[in-house]
Amino acid sequence: MFATHVGATKEAGSLAYLRPETAQGMFVNFKQVLDTTRVKVPFGIAQVGKSFRNEITTGEFLFRLREFEIAEIEFFVEPGSENKWFSKWIGEWERFFTDYGIKKEHLKRHVHPKETRAHYSKGTTDLLFQFPMGLKELAGVANRGDFDLIQHEKASNKELKFFDEASKKAYRPFVIEPTMGIERALFAFLCEAYKAYPNGRGGSDAPAGAPTQDRQSAKDTIEIVLHLDPRLAPYKVAVFPLVKKEKLPEIAQKLVQDLRKQWFVLYDESGSIGRRYRRADEIGTPWCITVDFDTQKDDAVTIRDRDTMQQERVKLNKVQDWISKKLQQ
């Protein structure tokens, strides 16, 4: 652990340590959570925060850091059911990543033998991801037993047990701990989403009213697309006026203001419509909305899908509902 001193002077009484994990704060709060929320076992406490490790040799990009962001769940279960919950959480953790775009064939389970597990662990399984530099740990699930609650009981002299009203018995729960590094997860999602098309994606996906030069093929150009799951995309939508005249920018700006009440929205009126599509694709924007010459006639806009490049005509007053439904699919 990282050692430091609290205060202006270095004295024996000022020695402190930076936490190597977020888990212990959740064990400290175990009794308060029971008393204030009246939850019943099984239940979980989740936390995301900074952790620190005194790595002798840093490097390997995001895999040997002294400061990093970690997400952990401490899931409290009845003794005797821990193996069932341990297996369930491995599957749930795996589904979490595949649901957000990681291909299942790019994940691999690694079951730690007893000699490589932490001393308190009754079982640990890591999820490995096929990063560009090889298989690396992405997340893990550990069966911590009741080790941590026992240690906190000893230090606090307070009983940390759950009273089961149904059985009229009090017991100290076992703990299943799913955990992941936030930076590693972000890196994995980016690696999975990034695609480079050496000769473009073929044809033109410019809207029907676009000038001729905007409708030319992207042939012989490298087109970068970040195929992020729409729920992870920083910008959910981009709005473009086809040209900077005939009040198209004003209509586009009004739409942007409405959409920004719910999501981060990119507005771009610089360059050809094709170039604007490319820029939105590069940062993973799922949908591009073009305000064109017909908008003033039919109160509709053209929405283009990043991945399929399919276009759909949608009424201005229906755009928010259209996006909301897409995000729920």
C-alpha atoms as a PDB file:
ATOM      1  CA  MET A   1       0.000   0.000   0.000  1.00  0.00           C
ATOM      2  CA  PHE A   2       1.007   3.613  -0.506  1.00  0.00           C
ATOM      3  CA  ALA A   3       2.208   5.183   2.733  1.00  0.00           C
ATOM      4  CA  THR A   4       1.770   8.888   3.384  1.00  0.00           C
ATOM      5  CA  HIS A   5       1.508  11.334   6.289  1.00  0.00           C
ATOM      6  CA  VAL A   6      -1.513  13.346   7.345  1.00  0.00           C
ATOM      7  CA  GLY A   7      -0.530  16.854   8.389  1.00  0.00           C
ATOM      8  CA  ALA A   8       2.408  19.183   7.941  1.00  0.00           C
ATOM      9  CA  THR A   9       4.978  17.088   9.799  1.00  0.00           C
ATOM     10  CA  LYS A  10       6.076  13.487   9.505  1.00  0.00           C
ATOM     11  CA  GLU A  11       5.423  11.832  12.833  1.00  0.00           C
ATOM     12  CA  ALA A  12       4.603   8.290  13.839  1.00  0.00           C
ATOM     13  CA  GLY A  13       1.045   9.269  14.654  1.00  0.00           C
ATOM     14  CA  SER A  14       0.478  10.886  11.263  1.00  0.00           C
ATOM     15  CA  LEU A  15       1.212   7.782   9.186  1.00  0.00           C
ATOM     16  CA  ALA A  16      -1.628   6.814   6.823  1.00  0.00           C
ATOM     17  CA  TYR A  17      -2.147   4.542   3.831  1.00  0.00           C
ATOM     18  CA  LEU A  18      -3.982   5.077   0.564  1.00  0.00           C
ATOM     19  CA  ARG A  19      -6.586   2.392  -0.029  1.00  0.00           C
ATOM     20  CA  PRO A  20      -5.707  -0.437  -2.438  1.00  0.00           C
ATOM     21  CA  GLU A  21      -9.404  -1.171  -3.119  1.00  0.00           C
ATOM     22  CA  THR A  22     -12.860   0.277  -2.443  1.00  0.00           C
ATOM     23  CA  ALA A  23     -14.151  -2.916  -0.800  1.00  0.00           C
ATOM     24  CA  GLN A  24     -13.333  -2.151   2.828  1.00  0.00           C
ATOM     25  CA  GLY A  25     -15.500   0.976   2.916  1.00  0.00           C
ATOM     26  CA  MET A  26     -18.491  -1.180   2.002  1.00  0.00           C
ATOM     27  CA  PHE A  27     -17.712  -3.668   4.767  1.00  0.00           C
ATOM     28  CA  VAL A  28     -17.439  -0.810   7.270  1.00  0.00           C
ATOM     29  CA  ASN A  29     -20.879   0.384   6.138  1.00  0.00           C
ATOM     30  CA  PHE A  30     -22.441  -3.089   6.133  1.00  0.00           C
ATOM     31  CA  LYS A  31     -24.251  -2.631   9.479  1.00  0.00           C
ATOM     32  CA  GLN A  32     -25.425   0.911   8.652  1.00  0.00           C
ATOM     33  CA  VAL A  33     -26.857  -0.265   5.335  1.00  0.00           C
ATOM     34  CA  LEU A  34     -28.723  -3.091   7.100  1.00  0.00           C
ATOM     35  CA  ASP A  35     -30.159  -0.758   9.742  1.00  0.00           C
ATOM     36  CA  THR A  36     -31.113   2.162   7.493  1.00  0.00           C
ATOM     37  CA  THR A  37     -32.437   0.398   4.387  1.00  0.00           C
ATOM     38  CA  ARG A  38     -33.794  -2.787   6.041  1.00  0.00           C
ATOM     39  CA  VAL A  39     -32.609  -4.882   3.102  1.00  0.00           C
ATOM     40  CA  LYS A  40     -32.610  -8.643   3.267  1.00  0.00           C
ATOM     41  CA  VAL A  41     -29.923 -11.100   2.222  1.00  0.00           C
ATOM     42  CA  PRO A  42     -29.043 -11.486  -0.604  1.00  0.00           C
ATOM     43  CA  PHE A  43     -28.224  -7.856  -1.343  1.00  0.00           C
ATOM     44  CA  GLY A  44     -25.307  -5.871  -2.701  1.00  0.00           C
ATOM     45  CA  ILE A  45     -23.449  -2.625  -2.137  1.00  0.00           C
ATOM     46  CA  ALA A  46     -21.644  -1.052  -5.103  1.00  0.00           C
ATOM     47  CA  GLN A  47     -18.971   1.626  -5.207  1.00  0.00           C
ATOM     48  CA  VAL A  48     -16.766   3.295  -7.813  1.00  0.00           C
ATOM     49  CA  GLY A  49     -13.665   5.215  -6.800  1.00  0.00           C
ATOM     50  CA  LYS A  50      -9.930   5.761  -6.835  1.00  0.00           C
ATOM     51  CA  SER A  51      -7.568   3.050  -5.630  1.00  0.00           C
ATOM     52  CA  PHE A  52      -3.800   3.033  -5.276  1.00  0.00           C
ATOM     53  CA  ARG A  53      -1.178   0.308  -5.523  1.00  0.00           C
ATOM     54  CA  ASN A  54       2.505   0.633  -4.765  1.00  0.00           C
ATOM     55  CA  GLU A  55       3.612  -0.879  -8.079  1.00  0.00           C
ATOM     56  CA  ILE A  56       7.384  -1.303  -8.134  1.00  0.00           C
ATOM     57  CA  THR A  57       7.487  -1.241 -11.927  1.00  0.00           C
ATOM     58  CA  THR A  58       4.798   0.696 -13.743  1.00  0.00           C
ATOM     59  CA  GLY A  59       4.062   0.310 -17.429  1.00  0.00           C
ATOM     60  CA  GLU A  60       2.111  -2.021 -19.712  1.00  0.00           C
ATOM     61  CA  PHE A  61      -0.110   0.941 -20.609  1.00  0.00           C
ATOM     62  CA  LEU A  62      -3.200   0.673 -18.330  1.00  0.00           C
ATOM     63  CA  PHE A  63      -2.208  -2.569 -16.643  1.00  0.00           C
ATOM     64  CA  ARG A  64       0.425  -1.469 -14.142  1.00  0.00           C
ATOM     65  CA  LEU A  65      -0.758   1.801 -12.627  1.00  0.00           C
ATOM     66  CA  ARG A  66      -0.223   3.290  -9.198  1.00  0.00           C
ATOM     67  CA  GLU A  67      -3.510   5.218  -9.377  1.00  0.00           C
ATOM     68  CA  PHE A  68      -6.619   3.878 -11.083  1.00  0.00           C
ATOM     69  CA  GLU A  69     -10.412   3.843 -10.995  1.00  0.00           C
ATOM     70  CA  ILE A  70     -12.100   0.682  -9.801  1.00  0.00           C
ATOM     71  CA  ALA A  71     -15.719  -0.506  -9.570  1.00  0.00           C
ATOM     72  CA  GLU A  72     -16.674  -3.181  -7.057  1.00  0.00           C
ATOM     73  CA  ILE A  73     -19.819  -4.868  -5.782  1.00  0.00           C
ATOM     74  CA  GLU A  74     -19.906  -6.610  -2.417  1.00  0.00           C
ATOM     75  CA  PHE A  75     -22.822  -9.040  -2.693  1.00  0.00           C
ATOM     76  CA  PHE A  76     -23.856 -10.561   0.644  1.00  0.00           C
ATOM     77  CA  VAL A  77     -25.338 -14.070   0.545  1.00  0.00           C
ATOM     78  CA  GLU A  78     -26.400 -16.777   2.968  1.00  0.00           C
ATOM     79  CA  PRO A  79     -23.593 -19.246   3.837  1.00  0.00           C
ATOM     80  CA  GLY A  80     -24.074 -22.402   1.826  1.00  0.00           C
ATOM     81  CA  SER A  81     -25.400 -20.538  -1.218  1.00  0.00           C
ATOM     82  CA  GLU A  82     -22.118 -18.844  -2.108  1.00  0.00           C
ATOM     83  CA  ASN A  83     -21.151 -21.267  -4.889  1.00  0.00           C
ATOM     84  CA  LYS A  84     -24.474 -20.727  -6.666  1.00  0.00           C
ATOM     85  CA  TRP A  85     -24.110 -16.954  -6.462  1.00  0.00           C
ATOM     86  CA  PHE A  86     -20.447 -17.108  -7.455  1.00  0.00           C
ATOM     87  CA  SER A  87     -21.354 -18.910 -10.706  1.00  0.00           C
ATOM     88  CA  LYS A  88     -24.285 -16.577 -11.314  1.00  0.00           C
ATOM     89  CA  TRP A  89     -22.146 -13.441 -10.974  1.00  0.00           C
ATOM     90  CA  ILE A  90     -19.521 -14.746 -13.383  1.00  0.00           C
ATOM     91  CA  GLY A  91     -22.281 -15.124 -15.952  1.00  0.00           C
ATOM     92  CA  GLU A  92     -23.791 -11.728 -15.133  1.00  0.00           C
ATOM     93  CA  TRP A  93     -20.408  -9.996 -15.404  1.00  0.00           C
ATOM     94  CA  GLU A  94     -19.812 -11.668 -18.741  1.00  0.00           C
ATOM     95  CA  ARG A  95     -23.274 -10.622 -19.970  1.00  0.00           C
ATOM     96  CA  PHE A  96     -22.626  -7.044 -18.881  1.00  0.00           C
ATOM     97  CA  PHE A  97     -19.682  -6.751 -21.266  1.00  0.00           C
ATOM     98  CA  THR A  98     -21.298  -8.604 -24.175  1.00  0.00           C
ATOM     99  CA  ASP A  99     -24.482  -6.546 -23.795  1.00  0.00           C
ATOM    100  CA  TYR A 100     -22.451  -3.379 -24.331  1.00  0.00           C
ATOM    101  CA  GLY A 101     -20.672  -4.618 -27.417  1.00  0.00           C
ATOM    102  CA  ILE A 102     -17.818  -6.962 -26.455  1.00  0.00           C
ATOM    103  CA  LYS A 103     -17.846 -10.084 -28.629  1.00  0.00           C
ATOM    104  CA  LYS A 104     -18.115 -13.238 -26.551  1.00  0.00           C
ATOM    105  CA  GLU A 105     -15.295 -14.880 -28.500  1.00  0.00           C
ATOM    106  CA  HIS A 106     -12.992 -12.078 -27.332  1.00  0.00           C
ATOM    107  CA  LEU A 107     -13.597 -12.968 -23.664  1.00  0.00           C
ATOM    108  CA  LYS A 108     -12.020 -15.853 -21.802  1.00  0.00           C
ATOM    109  CA  ARG A 109     -12.519 -17.113 -18.272  1.00  0.00           C
ATOM    110  CA  HIS A 110      -9.443 -17.794 -16.160  1.00  0.00           C
ATOM    111  CA  VAL A 111      -9.986 -19.830 -12.998  1.00  0.00           C
ATOM    112  CA  HIS A 112      -7.251 -19.119 -10.462  1.00  0.00           C
ATOM    113  CA  PRO A 113      -5.705 -22.162  -8.768  1.00  0.00           C
ATOM    114  CA  LYS A 114      -5.393 -22.012  -4.997  1.00  0.00           C
ATOM    115  CA  GLU A 115      -1.735 -20.959  -5.103  1.00  0.00           C
ATOM    116  CA  THR A 116      -2.469 -17.775  -7.095  1.00  0.00           C
ATOM    117  CA  ARG A 117      -5.587 -16.688  -5.176  1.00  0.00           C
ATOM    118  CA  ALA A 118      -5.603 -14.128  -2.387  1.00  0.00           C
ATOM    119  CA  HIS A 119      -5.310 -15.788   1.022  1.00  0.00           C
ATOM    120  CA  TYR A 120      -8.938 -14.993   1.905  1.00  0.00           C
ATOM    121  CA  SER A 121     -10.402 -16.157  -1.430  1.00  0.00           C
ATOM    122  CA  LYS A 122     -12.403 -19.365  -1.642  1.00  0.00           C
ATOM    123  CA  GLY A 123     -12.525 -19.002  -5.426  1.00  0.00           C
ATOM    124  CA  THR A 124     -11.531 -16.399  -8.010  1.00  0.00           C
ATOM    125  CA  THR A 125     -12.313 -16.263 -11.730  1.00  0.00           C
ATOM    126  CA  ASP A 126     -11.011 -13.515 -13.999  1.00  0.00           C
ATOM    127  CA  LEU A 127     -12.501 -12.353 -17.283  1.00  0.00           C
ATOM    128  CA  LEU A 128      -9.750 -11.834 -19.849  1.00  0.00           C
ATOM    129  CA  PHE A 129     -10.171  -9.712 -22.968  1.00  0.00           C
ATOM    130  CA  GLN A 130      -8.272 -10.018 -26.238  1.00  0.00           C
ATOM    131  CA  PHE A 131      -6.590  -6.613 -26.220  1.00  0.00           C
ATOM    132  CA  PRO A 132      -4.304  -5.662 -29.143  1.00  0.00           C
ATOM    133  CA  MET A 133      -1.306  -6.648 -27.003  1.00  0.00           C
ATOM    134  CA  GLY A 134      -2.816 -10.012 -26.028  1.00  0.00           C
ATOM    135  CA  LEU A 135      -5.119 -11.512 -23.409  1.00  0.00           C
ATOM    136  CA  LYS A 136      -5.268  -9.280 -20.329  1.00  0.00           C
ATOM    137  CA  GLU A 137      -7.422  -9.163 -17.222  1.00  0.00           C
ATOM    138  CA  LEU A 138     -10.561  -7.077 -17.676  1.00  0.00           C
ATOM    139  CA  ALA A 139     -12.648  -7.964 -14.634  1.00  0.00           C
ATOM    140  CA  GLY A 140     -13.027 -10.645 -12.018  1.00  0.00           C
ATOM    141  CA  VAL A 141     -15.299 -12.320  -9.482  1.00  0.00           C
ATOM    142  CA  ALA A 142     -14.089 -13.517  -6.078  1.00  0.00           C
ATOM    143  CA  ASN A 143     -15.673 -15.520  -3.281  1.00  0.00           C
ATOM    144  CA  ARG A 144     -14.355 -13.695  -0.210  1.00  0.00           C
ATOM    145  CA  GLY A 145     -16.253 -15.845   2.280  1.00  0.00           C
ATOM    146  CA  ASP A 146     -16.842 -14.092   5.614  1.00  0.00           C
ATOM    147  CA  PHE A 147     -13.185 -13.134   6.071  1.00  0.00           C
ATOM    148  CA  ASP A 148     -13.671  -9.358   5.824  1.00  0.00           C
ATOM    149  CA  LEU A 149     -16.655  -9.131   8.170  1.00  0.00           C
ATOM    150  CA  ILE A 150     -14.761 -11.232  10.735  1.00  0.00           C
ATOM    151  CA  GLN A 151     -11.782  -8.854  10.581  1.00  0.00           C
ATOM    152  CA  HIS A 152     -14.002  -5.800  11.003  1.00  0.00           C
ATOM    153  CA  GLU A 153     -15.786  -7.465  13.935  1.00  0.00           C
ATOM    154  CA  LYS A 154     -12.446  -7.992  15.643  1.00  0.00           C
ATOM    155  CA  ALA A 155     -11.354  -4.393  15.067  1.00  0.00           C
ATOM    156  CA  SER A 156     -14.659  -2.759  16.033  1.00  0.00           C
ATOM    157  CA  ASN A 157     -15.887  -5.175  18.708  1.00  0.00           C
ATOM    158  CA  LYS A 158     -19.304  -5.026  17.038  1.00  0.00           C
ATOM    159  CA  GLU A 159     -21.237  -7.983  15.735  1.00  0.00           C
ATOM    160  CA  LEU A 160     -21.732  -7.871  11.953  1.00  0.00           C
ATOM    161  CA  LYS A 161     -24.473 -10.413  11.408  1.00  0.00           C
ATOM    162  CA  PHE A 162     -27.790 -10.519   9.623  1.00  0.00           C
ATOM    163  CA  PHE A 163     -30.898 -11.703  11.473  1.00  0.00           C
ATOM    164  CA  ASP A 164     -33.174 -13.767   9.257  1.00  0.00           C
ATOM    165  CA  GLU A 165     -36.787 -13.242  10.333  1.00  0.00           C
ATOM    166  CA  ALA A 166     -37.935 -16.360   8.512  1.00  0.00           C
ATOM    167  CA  SER A 167     -35.539 -18.816  10.181  1.00  0.00           C
ATOM    168  CA  LYS A 168     -35.091 -16.746  13.382  1.00  0.00           C
ATOM    169  CA  LYS A 169     -31.347 -17.213  13.024  1.00  0.00           C
ATOM    170  CA  ALA A 170     -28.492 -14.736  12.888  1.00  0.00           C
ATOM    171  CA  TYR A 171     -25.561 -15.404  10.609  1.00  0.00           C
ATOM    172  CA  ARG A 172     -22.563 -13.653   9.150  1.00  0.00           C
ATOM    173  CA  PRO A 173     -23.073 -13.451   5.344  1.00  0.00           C
ATOM    174  CA  PHE A 174     -20.559 -14.663   2.813  1.00  0.00           C
ATOM    175  CA  VAL A 175     -19.483 -12.181   0.148  1.00  0.00           C
ATOM    176  CA  ILE A 176     -19.253 -12.526  -3.624  1.00  0.00           C
ATOM    177  CA  GLU A 177     -17.240  -9.687  -5.157  1.00  0.00           C
ATOM    178  CA  PRO A 178     -17.519  -8.759  -8.862  1.00  0.00           C
ATOM    179  CA  THR A 179     -14.918  -6.114  -9.704  1.00  0.00           C
ATOM    180  CA  MET A 180     -13.509  -4.324 -12.748  1.00  0.00           C
ATOM    181  CA  GLY A 181     -11.069  -1.587 -13.660  1.00  0.00           C
ATOM    182  CA  ILE A 182     -12.874   1.366 -15.235  1.00  0.00           C
ATOM    183  CA  GLU A 183      -9.926   2.320 -17.459  1.00  0.00           C
ATOM    184  CA  ARG A 184      -9.547  -1.252 -18.705  1.00  0.00           C
ATOM    185  CA  ALA A 185     -13.262  -1.534 -19.449  1.00  0.00           C
ATOM    186  CA  LEU A 186     -13.207   1.741 -21.399  1.00  0.00           C
ATOM    187  CA  PHE A 187     -10.149   0.573 -23.333  1.00  0.00           C
ATOM    188  CA  ALA A 188     -11.842  -2.747 -24.154  1.00  0.00           C
ATOM    189  CA  PHE A 189     -15.000  -1.047 -25.440  1.00  0.00           C
ATOM    190  CA  LEU A 190     -12.907   1.301 -27.598  1.00  0.00           C
ATOM    191  CA  CYS A 191     -10.819  -1.574 -28.999  1.00  0.00           C
ATOM    192  CA  GLU A 192     -13.957  -3.523 -29.884  1.00  0.00           C
ATOM    193  CA  ALA A 193     -15.710  -0.525 -31.453  1.00  0.00           C
ATOM    194  CA  TYR A 194     -12.813   0.857 -33.515  1.00  0.00           C
ATOM    195  CA  LYS A 195     -12.895  -0.024 -37.207  1.00  0.00           C
ATOM    196  CA  ALA A 196     -10.786   1.348 -40.068  1.00  0.00           C
ATOM    197  CA  TYR A 197     -12.148   0.885 -43.606  1.00  0.00           C
ATOM    198  CA  PRO A 198      -9.185   1.285 -46.035  1.00  0.00           C
ATOM    199  CA  ASN A 199     -11.390   2.133 -49.036  1.00  0.00           C
ATOM    200  CA  GLY A 200     -14.318   3.650 -47.218  1.00  0.00           C
ATOM    201  CA  ARG A 201     -17.592   1.809 -46.711  1.00  0.00           C
ATOM    202  CA  GLY A 202     -18.644   2.073 -50.339  1.00  0.00           C
ATOM    203  CA  GLY A 203     -21.140   4.337 -52.066  1.00  0.00           C
ATOM    204  CA  SER A 204     -22.556   7.544 -50.716  1.00  0.00           C
ATOM    205  CA  ASP A 205     -24.805   7.966 -47.712  1.00  0.00           C
ATOM    206  CA  ALA A 206     -25.391  11.686 -48.158  1.00  0.00           C
ATOM    207  CA  PRO A 207     -29.041  12.796 -47.973  1.00  0.00           C
ATOM    208  CA  ALA A 208     -31.030  13.104 -51.170  1.00  0.00           C
ATOM    209  CA  GLY A 209     -30.822  16.880 -51.344  1.00  0.00           C
ATOM    210  CA  ALA A 210     -27.060  17.118 -50.865  1.00  0.00           C
ATOM    211  CA  PRO A 211     -24.856  18.825 -53.488  1.00  0.00           C
ATOM    212  CA  THR A 212     -23.174  16.533 -56.006  1.00  0.00           C
ATOM    213  CA  GLN A 213     -19.722  16.799 -54.433  1.00  0.00           C
ATOM    214  CA  ASP A 214     -21.162  15.516 -51.138  1.00  0.00           C
ATOM    215  CA  ARG A 215     -22.547  12.412 -52.792  1.00  0.00           C
ATOM    216  CA  GLN A 216     -19.265  11.084 -54.128  1.00  0.00           C
ATOM    217  CA  SER A 217     -17.932   7.767 -52.860  1.00  0.00           C
ATOM    218  CA  ALA A 218     -15.327   7.587 -50.095  1.00  0.00           C
ATOM    219  CA  LYS A 219     -13.256   5.227 -52.271  1.00  0.00           C
ATOM    220  CA  ASP A 220      -9.473   5.279 -51.763  1.00  0.00           C
ATOM    221  CA  THR A 221      -9.831   6.989 -48.384  1.00  0.00           C
ATOM    222  CA  ILE A 222      -9.427   5.445 -44.930  1.00  0.00           C
ATOM    223  CA  GLU A 223     -12.692   5.815 -43.069  1.00  0.00           C
ATOM    224  CA  ILE A 224     -12.601   5.528 -39.275  1.00  0.00           C
ATOM    225  CA  VAL A 225     -15.781   4.492 -37.465  1.00  0.00           C
ATOM    226  CA  LEU A 226     -16.230   3.996 -33.730  1.00  0.00           C
ATOM    227  CA  HIS A 227     -19.077   1.470 -33.493  1.00  0.00           C
ATOM    228  CA  LEU A 228     -19.834   2.150 -29.821  1.00  0.00           C
ATOM    229  CA  ASP A 229     -23.048   0.895 -28.312  1.00  0.00           C
ATOM    230  CA  PRO A 230     -25.347   3.968 -28.412  1.00  0.00           C
ATOM    231  CA  ARG A 231     -25.669   3.850 -24.616  1.00  0.00           C
ATOM    232  CA  LEU A 232     -21.898   4.319 -24.305  1.00  0.00           C
ATOM    233  CA  ALA A 233     -21.503   6.913 -27.049  1.00  0.00           C
ATOM    234  CA  PRO A 234     -20.559  10.331 -25.599  1.00  0.00           C
ATOM    235  CA  TYR A 235     -22.680  12.134 -28.205  1.00  0.00           C
ATOM    236  CA  LYS A 236     -25.999  10.432 -28.884  1.00  0.00           C
ATOM    237  CA  VAL A 237     -26.819  12.491 -31.957  1.00  0.00           C
ATOM    238  CA  ALA A 238     -25.339  15.068 -34.345  1.00  0.00           C
ATOM    239  CA  VAL A 239     -27.391  17.761 -36.070  1.00  0.00           C
ATOM    240  CA  PHE A 240     -26.374  19.312 -39.395  1.00  0.00           C
ATOM    241  CA  PRO A 241     -28.005  21.995 -41.520  1.00  0.00           C
ATOM    242  CA  LEU A 242     -27.449  20.920 -45.112  1.00  0.00           C
ATOM    243  CA  VAL A 243     -26.316  24.445 -46.060  1.00  0.00           C
ATOM    244  CA  LYS A 244     -25.801  27.748 -44.239  1.00  0.00           C
ATOM    245  CA  LYS A 245     -28.762  29.522 -45.811  1.00  0.00           C
ATOM    246  CA  GLU A 246     -32.552  29.515 -46.242  1.00  0.00           C
ATOM    247  CA  LYS A 247     -32.959  29.427 -42.424  1.00  0.00           C
ATOM    248  CA  LEU A 248     -31.718  25.833 -42.218  1.00  0.00           C
ATOM    249  CA  PRO A 249     -29.172  26.672 -39.447  1.00  0.00           C
ATOM    250  CA  GLU A 250     -31.929  28.314 -37.369  1.00  0.00           C
ATOM    251  CA  ILE A 251     -34.126  25.213 -37.609  1.00  0.00           C
ATOM    252  CA  ALA A 252     -31.148  22.991 -36.766  1.00  0.00           C
ATOM    253  CA  GLN A 253     -30.179  25.109 -33.734  1.00  0.00           C
ATOM    254  CA  LYS A 254     -33.729  24.957 -32.390  1.00  0.00           C
ATOM    255  CA  LEU A 255     -33.677  21.157 -32.695  1.00  0.00           C
ATOM    256  CA  VAL A 256     -30.289  21.046 -30.928  1.00  0.00           C
ATOM    257  CA  GLN A 257     -31.624  23.084 -27.999  1.00  0.00           C
ATOM    258  CA  ASP A 258     -34.553  20.712 -27.599  1.00  0.00           C
ATOM    259  CA  LEU A 259     -32.419  17.563 -27.776  1.00  0.00           C
ATOM    260  CA  ARG A 260     -29.781  18.899 -25.365  1.00  0.00           C
ATOM    261  CA  LYS A 261     -32.353  18.782 -22.589  1.00  0.00           C
ATOM    262  CA  GLN A 262     -31.839  15.011 -22.594  1.00  0.00           C
ATOM    263  CA  TRP A 263     -28.556  14.179 -24.323  1.00  0.00           C
ATOM    264  CA  PHE A 264     -25.178  15.500 -25.416  1.00  0.00           C
ATOM    265  CA  VAL A 265     -25.673  16.727 -28.986  1.00  0.00           C
ATOM    266  CA  LEU A 266     -23.065  17.660 -31.577  1.00  0.00           C
ATOM    267  CA  TYR A 267     -23.823  20.589 -33.887  1.00  0.00           C
ATOM    268  CA  ASP A 268     -21.700  20.988 -37.020  1.00  0.00           C
ATOM    269  CA  GLU A 269     -22.229  23.253 -40.028  1.00  0.00           C
ATOM    270  CA  SER A 270     -18.639  23.351 -41.294  1.00  0.00           C
ATOM    271  CA  GLY A 271     -17.629  21.568 -44.504  1.00  0.00           C
ATOM    272  CA  SER A 272     -19.497  19.210 -46.785  1.00  0.00           C
ATOM    273  CA  ILE A 273     -22.212  16.980 -45.336  1.00  0.00           C
ATOM    274  CA  GLY A 274     -20.106  13.913 -46.166  1.00  0.00           C
ATOM    275  CA  ARG A 275     -17.158  15.219 -44.146  1.00  0.00           C
ATOM    276  CA  ARG A 276     -19.467  15.999 -41.245  1.00  0.00           C
ATOM    277  CA  TYR A 277     -20.773  12.437 -41.327  1.00  0.00           C
ATOM    278  CA  ARG A 278     -17.183  11.164 -41.199  1.00  0.00           C
ATOM    279  CA  ARG A 279     -16.316  13.357 -38.224  1.00  0.00           C
ATOM    280  CA  ALA A 280     -19.389  12.155 -36.317  1.00  0.00           C
ATOM    281  CA  ASP A 281     -18.552   8.521 -37.161  1.00  0.00           C
ATOM    282  CA  GLU A 282     -15.025   8.917 -35.811  1.00  0.00           C
ATOM    283  CA  ILE A 283     -16.266   9.875 -32.339  1.00  0.00           C
ATOM    284  CA  GLY A 284     -18.953   7.177 -32.277  1.00  0.00           C
ATOM    285  CA  THR A 285     -22.113   9.278 -32.736  1.00  0.00           C
ATOM    286  CA  PRO A 286     -24.917   6.754 -33.445  1.00  0.00           C
ATOM    287  CA  TRP A 287     -27.250   9.038 -35.426  1.00  0.00           C
ATOM    288  CA  CYS A 288     -26.816  12.095 -37.629  1.00  0.00           C
ATOM    289  CA  ILE A 289     -29.767  14.390 -38.308  1.00  0.00           C
ATOM    290  CA  THR A 290     -29.766  16.558 -41.425  1.00  0.00           C
ATOM    291  CA  VAL A 291     -32.017  19.589 -41.785  1.00  0.00           C
ATOM    292  CA  ASP A 292     -32.464  19.897 -45.552  1.00  0.00           C
ATOM    293  CA  PHE A 293     -34.371  21.937 -48.129  1.00  0.00           C
ATOM    294  CA  ASP A 294     -37.537  19.855 -47.655  1.00  0.00           C
ATOM    295  CA  THR A 295     -37.661  20.431 -43.905  1.00  0.00           C
ATOM    296  CA  GLN A 296     -39.507  23.739 -44.273  1.00  0.00           C
ATOM    297  CA  LYS A 297     -42.106  21.985 -46.426  1.00  0.00           C
ATOM    298  CA  ASP A 298     -42.757  18.774 -44.477  1.00  0.00           C
ATOM    299  CA  ASP A 299     -41.426  19.605 -40.960  1.00  0.00           C
ATOM    300  CA  ALA A 300     -39.258  16.491 -41.158  1.00  0.00           C
ATOM    301  CA  VAL A 301     -35.549  15.689 -41.047  1.00  0.00           C
ATOM    302  CA  THR A 302     -33.360  12.872 -42.344  1.00  0.00           C
ATOM    303  CA  ILE A 303     -31.837  10.629 -39.654  1.00  0.00           C
ATOM    304  CA  ARG A 304     -28.908   8.490 -40.746  1.00  0.00           C
ATOM    305  CA  ASP A 305     -27.722   5.448 -38.762  1.00  0.00           C
ATOM    306  CA  ARG A 306     -23.943   5.265 -38.152  1.00  0.00           C
ATOM    307  CA  ASP A 307     -23.641   1.483 -38.505  1.00  0.00           C
ATOM    308  CA  THR A 308     -26.093   0.627 -41.275  1.00  0.00           C
ATOM    309  CA  MET A 309     -25.966   4.040 -43.039  1.00  0.00           C
ATOM    310  CA  GLN A 310     -29.705   3.639 -43.579  1.00  0.00           C
ATOM    311  CA  GLN A 311     -31.751   6.846 -43.644  1.00  0.00           C
ATOM    312  CA  GLU A 312     -35.192   7.553 -42.257  1.00  0.00           C
ATOM    313  CA  ARG A 313     -37.436  10.564 -42.584  1.00  0.00           C
ATOM    314  CA  VAL A 314     -38.793  11.649 -39.186  1.00  0.00           C
ATOM    315  CA  LYS A 315     -41.067  14.535 -38.202  1.00  0.00           C
ATOM    316  CA  LEU A 316     -39.359  17.239 -36.111  1.00  0.00           C
ATOM    317  CA  ASN A 317     -41.803  16.772 -33.225  1.00  0.00           C
ATOM    318  CA  LYS A 318     -41.118  13.009 -33.199  1.00  0.00           C
ATOM    319  CA  VAL A 319     -37.308  13.095 -33.156  1.00  0.00           C
ATOM    320  CA  GLN A 320     -36.949  12.879 -29.349  1.00  0.00           C
ATOM    321  CA  ASP A 321     -39.283   9.875 -29.162  1.00  0.00           C
ATOM    322  CA  TRP A 322     -37.446   8.227 -32.071  1.00  0.00           C
ATOM    323  CA  ILE A 323     -34.071   8.535 -30.291  1.00  0.00           C
ATOM    324  CA  SER A 324     -35.479   7.396 -26.938  1.00  0.00           C
ATOM    325  CA  LYS A 325     -36.918   4.244 -28.489  1.00  0.00           C
ATOM    326  CA  LYS A 326     -33.633   3.487 -30.261  1.00  0.00           C
ATOM    327  CA  LEU A 327     -31.703   3.802 -26.983  1.00  0.00           C
ATOM    328  CA  GLN A 328     -34.059   1.327 -25.331  1.00  0.00           C
ATOM    329  CA  GLN A 329     -33.646  -1.359 -27.984  1.00  0.00           C
END
